């Protein structure tokens, strides 16, 4: 049985797959075609873009953006 803790303001696409015991903070966006492993902790205001795969017990910090092109292309 999954015991995820998802903040009421988080937006999670219907096609996202969440493991067990996943914590998702306020104002976080998780797009379609995302897989989040068991025990992951995603802080507030993060963006997990389509195609991103996270293994078990990954910690994503406040304001992180995963799965998009980098801001600095140098």
PDB file of N, CA and C in Angstrom:
ATOM      1  N   UNK A   1       0.835  -1.191   0.000  1.00  0.00           N
ATOM      2  CA  UNK A   1       0.000   0.000   0.000  1.00  0.00           C
ATOM      3  C   UNK A   1       0.870   1.241   0.000  1.00  0.00           C
ATOM      4  N   UNK A   2       0.548   2.187  -0.826  1.00  0.00           N
ATOM      5  CA  UNK A   2       1.306   3.431  -0.946  1.00  0.00           C
ATOM      6  C   UNK A   2       0.914   4.401   0.163  1.00  0.00           C
ATOM      7  N   UNK A   3       1.914   5.005   0.777  1.00  0.00           N
ATOM      8  CA  UNK A   3       1.634   6.011   1.810  1.00  0.00           C
ATOM      9  C   UNK A   3       2.333   7.318   1.433  1.00  0.00           C
ATOM     10  N   UNK A   4       1.966   7.861   0.287  1.00  0.00           N
ATOM     11  CA  UNK A   4       2.574   9.090  -0.205  1.00  0.00           C
ATOM     12  C   UNK A   4       2.028  10.300   0.525  1.00  0.00           C
ATOM     13  N   UNK A   5       2.893  11.316   0.691  1.00  0.00           N
ATOM     14  CA  UNK A   5       2.495  12.582   1.297  1.00  0.00           C
ATOM     15  C   UNK A   5       2.612  13.652   0.213  1.00  0.00           C
ATOM     16  N   UNK A   6       1.488  14.066  -0.322  1.00  0.00           N
ATOM     17  CA  UNK A   6       1.464  15.031  -1.420  1.00  0.00           C
ATOM     18  C   UNK A   6       0.745  16.280  -0.949  1.00  0.00           C
ATOM     19  N   UNK A   7       1.430  17.430  -1.030  1.00  0.00           N
ATOM     20  CA  UNK A   7       0.824  18.690  -0.606  1.00  0.00           C
ATOM     21  C   UNK A   7      -0.358  19.022  -1.518  1.00  0.00           C
ATOM     22  N   UNK A   8      -1.370  19.643  -0.958  1.00  0.00           N
ATOM     23  CA  UNK A   8      -2.603  19.959  -1.693  1.00  0.00           C
ATOM     24  C   UNK A   8      -2.372  20.879  -2.889  1.00  0.00           C
ATOM     25  N   UNK A   9      -1.303  21.674  -2.885  1.00  0.00           N
ATOM     26  CA  UNK A   9      -1.050  22.604  -3.992  1.00  0.00           C
ATOM     27  C   UNK A   9      -0.164  22.007  -5.087  1.00  0.00           C
ATOM     28  N   UNK A  10       0.338  20.804  -4.886  1.00  0.00           N
ATOM     29  CA  UNK A  10       1.163  20.158  -5.909  1.00  0.00           C
ATOM     30  C   UNK A  10       0.286  19.774  -7.100  1.00  0.00           C
ATOM     31  N   UNK A  11       0.867  19.840  -8.296  1.00  0.00           N
ATOM     32  CA  UNK A  11       0.168  19.448  -9.522  1.00  0.00           C
ATOM     33  C   UNK A  11       0.884  18.227 -10.083  1.00  0.00           C
ATOM     34  N   UNK A  12       0.160  17.127 -10.162  1.00  0.00           N
ATOM     35  CA  UNK A  12       0.749  15.878 -10.630  1.00  0.00           C
ATOM     36  C   UNK A  12      -0.084  15.361 -11.797  1.00  0.00           C
ATOM     37  N   UNK A  13       0.553  15.220 -12.948  1.00  0.00           N
ATOM     38  CA  UNK A  13      -0.139  14.748 -14.150  1.00  0.00           C
ATOM     39  C   UNK A  13      -0.619  13.320 -13.952  1.00  0.00           C
ATOM     40  N   UNK A  14      -1.715  13.005 -14.592  1.00  0.00           N
ATOM     41  CA  UNK A  14      -2.296  11.676 -14.479  1.00  0.00           C
ATOM     42  C   UNK A  14      -1.384  10.561 -14.942  1.00  0.00           C
ATOM     43  N   UNK A  15      -0.484  10.850 -15.884  1.00  0.00           N
ATOM     44  CA  UNK A  15       0.414   9.834 -16.414  1.00  0.00           C
ATOM     45  C   UNK A  15       1.705   9.672 -15.640  1.00  0.00           C
ATOM     46  N   UNK A  16       1.879  10.401 -14.545  1.00  0.00           N
ATOM     47  CA  UNK A  16       3.084  10.270 -13.722  1.00  0.00           C
ATOM     48  C   UNK A  16       2.950   9.035 -12.833  1.00  0.00           C
ATOM     49  N   UNK A  17       4.062   8.337 -12.628  1.00  0.00           N
ATOM     50  CA  UNK A  17       4.065   7.151 -11.790  1.00  0.00           C
ATOM     51  C   UNK A  17       4.867   7.432 -10.525  1.00  0.00           C
ATOM     52  N   UNK A  18       4.228   7.289  -9.381  1.00  0.00           N
ATOM     53  CA  UNK A  18       4.877   7.533  -8.100  1.00  0.00           C
ATOM     54  C   UNK A  18       5.065   6.220  -7.362  1.00  0.00           C
ATOM     55  N   UNK A  19       6.268   6.045  -6.787  1.00  0.00           N
ATOM     56  CA  UNK A  19       6.529   4.875  -5.962  1.00  0.00           C
ATOM     57  C   UNK A  19       5.857   5.009  -4.608  1.00  0.00           C
ATOM     58  N   UNK A  20       6.251   4.188  -3.676  1.00  0.00           N
ATOM     59  CA  UNK A  20       5.722   4.208  -2.316  1.00  0.00           C
ATOM     60  C   UNK A  20       6.522   5.167  -1.441  1.00  0.00           C
ATOM     61  N   UNK A  21       5.840   5.762  -0.463  1.00  0.00           N
ATOM     62  CA  UNK A  21       6.460   6.649   0.513  1.00  0.00           C
ATOM     63  C   UNK A  21       7.172   7.835  -0.144  1.00  0.00           C
ATOM     64  N   UNK A  22       6.541   8.416  -1.146  1.00  0.00           N
ATOM     65  CA  UNK A  22       7.044   9.601  -1.840  1.00  0.00           C
ATOM     66  C   UNK A  22       6.448  10.834  -1.173  1.00  0.00           C
ATOM     67  N   UNK A  23       7.280  11.858  -0.932  1.00  0.00           N
ATOM     68  CA  UNK A  23       6.822  13.126  -0.359  1.00  0.00           C
ATOM     69  C   UNK A  23       6.990  14.222  -1.407  1.00  0.00           C
ATOM     70  N   UNK A  24       5.913  14.974  -1.654  1.00  0.00           N
ATOM     71  CA  UNK A  24       5.943  16.044  -2.650  1.00  0.00           C
ATOM     72  C   UNK A  24       5.471  17.328  -1.994  1.00  0.00           C
ATOM     73  N   UNK A  25       6.310  18.363  -2.076  1.00  0.00           N
ATOM     74  CA  UNK A  25       6.051  19.622  -1.397  1.00  0.00           C
ATOM     75  C   UNK A  25       5.124  20.561  -2.150  1.00  0.00           C
ATOM     76  N   UNK A  26       4.838  21.715  -1.517  1.00  0.00           N
ATOM     77  CA  UNK A  26       3.919  22.701  -2.080  1.00  0.00           C
ATOM     78  C   UNK A  26       4.373  23.254  -3.429  1.00  0.00           C
ATOM     79  N   UNK A  27       3.412  23.474  -4.307  1.00  0.00           N
ATOM     80  CA  UNK A  27       3.604  24.130  -5.602  1.00  0.00           C
ATOM     81  C   UNK A  27       4.574  23.403  -6.533  1.00  0.00           C
ATOM     82  N   UNK A  28       4.806  22.141  -6.287  1.00  0.00           N
ATOM     83  CA  UNK A  28       5.638  21.338  -7.177  1.00  0.00           C
ATOM     84  C   UNK A  28       4.790  20.869  -8.351  1.00  0.00           C
ATOM     85  N   UNK A  29       5.413  20.805  -9.535  1.00  0.00           N
ATOM     86  CA  UNK A  29       4.723  20.335 -10.742  1.00  0.00           C
ATOM     87  C   UNK A  29       5.438  19.084 -11.238  1.00  0.00           C
ATOM     88  N   UNK A  30       4.672  18.032 -11.449  1.00  0.00           N
ATOM     89  CA  UNK A  30       5.199  16.795 -12.008  1.00  0.00           C
ATOM     90  C   UNK A  30       4.421  16.513 -13.282  1.00  0.00           C
ATOM     91  N   UNK A  31       5.135  16.510 -14.411  1.00  0.00           N
ATOM     92  CA  UNK A  31       4.497  16.374 -15.714  1.00  0.00           C
ATOM     93  C   UNK A  31       4.231  14.908 -16.063  1.00  0.00           C
ATOM     94  N   UNK A  32       3.573  14.717 -17.216  1.00  0.00           N
ATOM     95  CA  UNK A  32       3.311  13.383 -17.764  1.00  0.00           C
ATOM     96  C   UNK A  32       4.633  12.644 -18.000  1.00  0.00           C
ATOM     97  N   UNK A  33       4.551  11.324 -18.068  1.00  0.00           N
ATOM     98  CA  UNK A  33       5.685  10.477 -18.418  1.00  0.00           C
ATOM     99  C   UNK A  33       6.869  10.668 -17.466  1.00  0.00           C
ATOM    100  N   UNK A  34       6.592  10.775 -16.182  1.00  0.00           N
ATOM    101  CA  UNK A  34       7.620  10.877 -15.138  1.00  0.00           C
ATOM    102  C   UNK A  34       7.486   9.666 -14.230  1.00  0.00           C
ATOM    103  N   UNK A  35       8.625   9.099 -13.827  1.00  0.00           N
ATOM    104  CA  UNK A  35       8.635   7.994 -12.872  1.00  0.00           C
ATOM    105  C   UNK A  35       9.453   8.414 -11.661  1.00  0.00           C
ATOM    106  N   UNK A  36       8.852   8.305 -10.482  1.00  0.00           N
ATOM    107  CA  UNK A  36       9.515   8.672  -9.238  1.00  0.00           C
ATOM    108  C   UNK A  36       9.572   7.431  -8.358  1.00  0.00           C
ATOM    109  N   UNK A  37      10.782   7.052  -7.964  1.00  0.00           N
ATOM    110  CA  UNK A  37      10.986   5.831  -7.199  1.00  0.00           C
ATOM    111  C   UNK A  37      10.559   5.935  -5.744  1.00  0.00           C
ATOM    112  N   UNK A  38      10.548   4.796  -5.087  1.00  0.00           N
ATOM    113  CA  UNK A  38      10.169   4.706  -3.679  1.00  0.00           C
ATOM    114  C   UNK A  38      11.042   5.601  -2.806  1.00  0.00           C
ATOM    115  N   UNK A  39      10.425   6.225  -1.818  1.00  0.00           N
ATOM    116  CA  UNK A  39      11.158   6.982  -0.819  1.00  0.00           C
ATOM    117  C   UNK A  39      11.703   8.325  -1.257  1.00  0.00           C
ATOM    118  N   UNK A  40      11.347   8.796  -2.443  1.00  0.00           N
ATOM    119  CA  UNK A  40      11.853  10.094  -2.911  1.00  0.00           C
ATOM    120  C   UNK A  40      11.201  11.234  -2.140  1.00  0.00           C
ATOM    121  N   UNK A  41      11.964  12.304  -1.965  1.00  0.00           N
ATOM    122  CA  UNK A  41      11.473  13.515  -1.312  1.00  0.00           C
ATOM    123  C   UNK A  41      11.672  14.676  -2.265  1.00  0.00           C
ATOM    124  N   UNK A  42      10.585  15.321  -2.647  1.00  0.00           N
ATOM    125  CA  UNK A  42      10.651  16.449  -3.571  1.00  0.00           C
ATOM    126  C   UNK A  42      10.152  17.672  -2.822  1.00  0.00           C
ATOM    127  N   UNK A  43      11.024  18.657  -2.679  1.00  0.00           N
ATOM    128  CA  UNK A  43      10.700  19.852  -1.904  1.00  0.00           C
ATOM    129  C   UNK A  43       9.751  20.764  -2.685  1.00  0.00           C
ATOM    130  N   UNK A  44       9.521  21.944  -2.147  1.00  0.00           N
ATOM    131  CA  UNK A  44       8.555  22.880  -2.726  1.00  0.00           C
ATOM    132  C   UNK A  44       9.045  23.518  -4.023  1.00  0.00           C
ATOM    133  N   UNK A  45       8.094  23.881  -4.853  1.00  0.00           N
ATOM    134  CA  UNK A  45       8.300  24.646  -6.080  1.00  0.00           C
ATOM    135  C   UNK A  45       9.292  24.016  -7.045  1.00  0.00           C
ATOM    136  N   UNK A  46       9.333  22.691  -7.089  1.00  0.00           N
ATOM    137  CA  UNK A  46      10.181  21.989  -8.042  1.00  0.00           C
ATOM    138  C   UNK A  46       9.378  21.691  -9.311  1.00  0.00           C
ATOM    139  N   UNK A  47      10.086  21.525 -10.419  1.00  0.00           N
ATOM    140  CA  UNK A  47       9.475  21.097 -11.674  1.00  0.00           C
ATOM    141  C   UNK A  47      10.178  19.823 -12.108  1.00  0.00           C
ATOM    142  N   UNK A  48       9.417  18.764 -12.261  1.00  0.00           N
ATOM    143  CA  UNK A  48       9.941  17.496 -12.768  1.00  0.00           C
ATOM    144  C   UNK A  48       9.300  17.308 -14.142  1.00  0.00           C
ATOM    145  N   UNK A  49      10.094  17.531 -15.190  1.00  0.00           N
ATOM    146  CA  UNK A  49       9.575  17.569 -16.554  1.00  0.00           C
ATOM    147  C   UNK A  49       9.404  16.172 -17.151  1.00  0.00           C
ATOM    148  N   UNK A  50       8.585  16.106 -18.182  1.00  0.00           N
ATOM    149  CA  UNK A  50       8.272  14.870 -18.880  1.00  0.00           C
ATOM    150  C   UNK A  50       9.540  14.125 -19.284  1.00  0.00           C
ATOM    151  N   UNK A  51       9.533  12.813 -19.053  1.00  0.00           N
ATOM    152  CA  UNK A  51      10.664  11.963 -19.419  1.00  0.00           C
ATOM    153  C   UNK A  51      11.654  11.732 -18.287  1.00  0.00           C
ATOM    154  N   UNK A  52      11.501  12.422 -17.180  1.00  0.00           N
ATOM    155  CA  UNK A  52      12.429  12.287 -16.053  1.00  0.00           C
ATOM    156  C   UNK A  52      12.164  10.986 -15.310  1.00  0.00           C
ATOM    157  N   UNK A  53      13.246  10.318 -14.901  1.00  0.00           N
ATOM    158  CA  UNK A  53      13.177   9.087 -14.114  1.00  0.00           C
ATOM    159  C   UNK A  53      14.034   9.276 -12.870  1.00  0.00           C
ATOM    160  N   UNK A  54      13.440   9.083 -11.697  1.00  0.00           N
ATOM    161  CA  UNK A  54      14.182   9.163 -10.444  1.00  0.00           C
ATOM    162  C   UNK A  54      14.198   7.786  -9.796  1.00  0.00           C
ATOM    163  N   UNK A  55      15.370   7.356  -9.341  1.00  0.00           N
ATOM    164  CA  UNK A  55      15.495   6.081  -8.641  1.00  0.00           C
ATOM    165  C   UNK A  55      14.961   6.186  -7.226  1.00  0.00           C
ATOM    166  N   UNK A  56      15.333   5.252  -6.383  1.00  0.00           N
ATOM    167  CA  UNK A  56      14.861   5.226  -4.997  1.00  0.00           C
ATOM    168  C   UNK A  56      15.595   6.259  -4.143  1.00  0.00           C
ATOM    169  N   UNK A  57      14.866   6.828  -3.189  1.00  0.00           N
ATOM    170  CA  UNK A  57      15.422   7.686  -2.136  1.00  0.00           C
ATOM    171  C   UNK A  57      16.158   8.929  -2.640  1.00  0.00           C
ATOM    172  N   UNK A  58      15.730   9.481  -3.756  1.00  0.00           N
ATOM    173  CA  UNK A  58      16.320  10.702  -4.298  1.00  0.00           C
ATOM    174  C   UNK A  58      15.710  11.909  -3.590  1.00  0.00           C
ATOM    175  N   UNK A  59      16.550  12.901  -3.257  1.00  0.00           N
ATOM    176  CA  UNK A  59      16.068  14.147  -2.655  1.00  0.00           C
ATOM    177  C   UNK A  59      16.219  15.267  -3.672  1.00  0.00           C
ATOM    178  N   UNK A  60      15.113  15.927  -3.982  1.00  0.00           N
ATOM    179  CA  UNK A  60      15.100  17.057  -4.907  1.00  0.00           C
ATOM    180  C   UNK A  60      14.815  18.301  -4.070  1.00  0.00           C
ATOM    181  N   UNK A  61      15.698  19.278  -4.147  1.00  0.00           N
ATOM    182  CA  UNK A  61      15.602  20.448  -3.280  1.00  0.00           C
ATOM    183  C   UNK A  61      14.697  21.543  -3.858  1.00  0.00           C
ATOM    184  N   UNK A  62      14.364  22.497  -3.009  1.00  0.00           N
ATOM    185  CA  UNK A  62      13.471  23.619  -3.314  1.00  0.00           C
ATOM    186  C   UNK A  62      13.864  24.311  -4.623  1.00  0.00           C
ATOM    187  N   UNK A  63      12.905  24.482  -5.491  1.00  0.00           N
ATOM    188  CA  UNK A  63      13.112  25.240  -6.719  1.00  0.00           C
ATOM    189  C   UNK A  63      13.871  24.514  -7.823  1.00  0.00           C
ATOM    190  N   UNK A  64      14.171  23.250  -7.641  1.00  0.00           N
ATOM    191  CA  UNK A  64      14.920  22.500  -8.656  1.00  0.00           C
ATOM    192  C   UNK A  64      14.074  22.277  -9.897  1.00  0.00           C
ATOM    193  N   UNK A  65      14.750  22.212 -11.045  1.00  0.00           N
ATOM    194  CA  UNK A  65      14.109  21.906 -12.318  1.00  0.00           C
ATOM    195  C   UNK A  65      14.864  20.735 -12.929  1.00  0.00           C
ATOM    196  N   UNK A  66      14.164  19.625 -13.148  1.00  0.00           N
ATOM    197  CA  UNK A  66      14.786  18.427 -13.704  1.00  0.00           C
ATOM    198  C   UNK A  66      14.131  18.058 -15.019  1.00  0.00           C
ATOM    199  N   UNK A  67      14.958  17.653 -15.986  1.00  0.00           N
ATOM    200  CA  UNK A  67      14.434  17.134 -17.236  1.00  0.00           C
ATOM    201  C   UNK A  67      14.236  18.153 -18.335  1.00  0.00           C
ATOM    202  N   UNK A  68      14.748  19.365 -18.161  1.00  0.00           N
ATOM    203  CA  UNK A  68      14.666  20.388 -19.213  1.00  0.00           C
ATOM    204  C   UNK A  68      16.083  20.756 -19.659  1.00  0.00           C
ATOM    205  N   UNK A  69      16.185  21.551 -20.709  1.00  0.00           N
ATOM    206  CA  UNK A  69      17.519  21.976 -21.140  1.00  0.00           C
ATOM    207  C   UNK A  69      18.098  22.926 -20.086  1.00  0.00           C
ATOM    208  N   UNK A  70      19.438  22.954 -19.950  1.00  0.00           N
ATOM    209  CA  UNK A  70      20.042  23.834 -18.940  1.00  0.00           C
ATOM    210  C   UNK A  70      19.903  25.303 -19.299  1.00  0.00           C
ATOM    211  N   UNK A  71      19.921  26.168 -18.283  1.00  0.00           N
ATOM    212  CA  UNK A  71      19.848  27.594 -18.523  1.00  0.00           C
ATOM    213  C   UNK A  71      21.126  28.130 -19.140  1.00  0.00           C
ATOM    214  N   UNK A  72      22.254  27.531 -18.788  1.00  0.00           N
ATOM    215  CA  UNK A  72      23.548  27.988 -19.297  1.00  0.00           C
ATOM    216  C   UNK A  72      24.083  26.935 -20.237  1.00  0.00           C
ATOM    217  N   UNK A  73      24.200  27.245 -21.505  1.00  0.00           N
ATOM    218  CA  UNK A  73      24.616  26.266 -22.508  1.00  0.00           C
ATOM    219  C   UNK A  73      26.112  26.316 -22.812  1.00  0.00           C
ATOM    220  N   UNK A  74      26.897  27.019 -22.001  1.00  0.00           N
ATOM    221  CA  UNK A  74      28.339  27.073 -22.228  1.00  0.00           C
ATOM    222  C   UNK A  74      29.014  25.783 -21.870  1.00  0.00           C
TER     223      UNK A  74
END
